[in-house]
Protein backbone atom coordinates (compact mmCIF):
# COMPACT_ATOMS: atom_id res chain seq x y z
CA MET A 1 117.64 -79.07 62.21
CA ASN A 2 118.19 -75.74 63.95
CA ALA A 3 118.87 -72.31 62.44
CA THR A 4 122.66 -72.62 62.84
CA GLN A 5 122.80 -75.86 60.88
CA THR A 6 120.47 -74.49 58.23
CA GLY A 7 122.61 -71.37 57.89
CA LEU A 8 125.78 -73.43 57.58
CA ILE A 9 124.32 -75.66 54.87
CA SER A 10 122.94 -72.64 53.01
CA GLY A 11 126.33 -70.94 53.13
CA LEU A 12 128.10 -74.00 51.80
CA ILE A 13 125.62 -74.38 48.95
CA LEU A 14 125.84 -70.68 48.04
CA GLY A 15 129.63 -70.83 48.18
CA THR A 16 129.64 -73.80 45.84
CA ALA A 17 127.28 -72.01 43.46
CA ALA A 18 129.55 -68.94 43.47
CA ALA A 19 132.65 -71.05 42.78
CA VAL A 20 131.07 -73.07 39.98
CA GLY A 21 128.69 -70.64 38.31
CA GLY A 22 130.34 -67.33 39.05
CA PHE A 23 128.43 -64.36 40.35
CA SER A 24 125.29 -65.07 38.31
CA GLY A 25 125.11 -68.61 39.71
CA PHE A 26 125.45 -67.19 43.21
CA LEU A 27 122.57 -64.75 42.65
CA ILE A 28 120.31 -67.44 41.20
CA ALA A 29 121.02 -69.78 44.14
CA LEU A 30 120.41 -66.94 46.59
CA LEU A 31 117.10 -66.03 44.95
CA ILE A 32 115.90 -69.64 44.97
CA GLY A 33 116.96 -69.94 48.62
CA VAL A 34 114.94 -66.87 49.61
CA VAL A 35 111.88 -68.18 47.78
CA GLY A 36 112.26 -71.54 49.55
CA LEU A 37 112.59 -69.79 52.91
CA VAL A 38 109.42 -67.78 52.38
CA ILE A 39 107.45 -70.83 51.24
CA GLY A 40 108.72 -72.84 54.21
CA ARG A 41 107.72 -70.12 56.68
CA ILE A 42 104.26 -69.87 55.13
CA LEU A 43 103.79 -73.65 55.36
CA ASP A 44 105.00 -73.65 58.98
CA GLY A 45 102.50 -70.91 59.83
CA GLU A 46 105.20 -68.44 60.87
CA LEU A 47 104.42 -66.01 58.05
CA GLU A 48 101.14 -64.84 56.58
CA ILE A 49 100.80 -64.01 52.90
CA GLY A 50 99.13 -60.74 53.92
CA ASP A 51 102.34 -59.78 55.75
CA LEU A 52 104.25 -60.05 52.49
CA LEU A 53 101.70 -58.04 50.56
CA GLY A 54 101.46 -55.31 53.21
CA ARG A 55 97.84 -55.91 54.11
CA ALA A 56 96.71 -55.67 57.70
CA LYS A 57 95.07 -58.76 59.20
CA ASP A 58 92.07 -56.88 60.58
CA ARG A 59 91.37 -54.77 57.46
CA ARG A 60 88.53 -56.00 55.26
């Protein structure tokens, strides 16, 4: 699945959450989506935990 398809599915899910749960449901779905994205990137090796925490790779 490419980024366009992932973005489309995410938008549809967030739109459904906003329609059903109101603004608070939208924010909760958005927060969970961001957490899932970060975890997925870490597992794929595209993101290092040190990048999130602001630590340089070569600093010890």
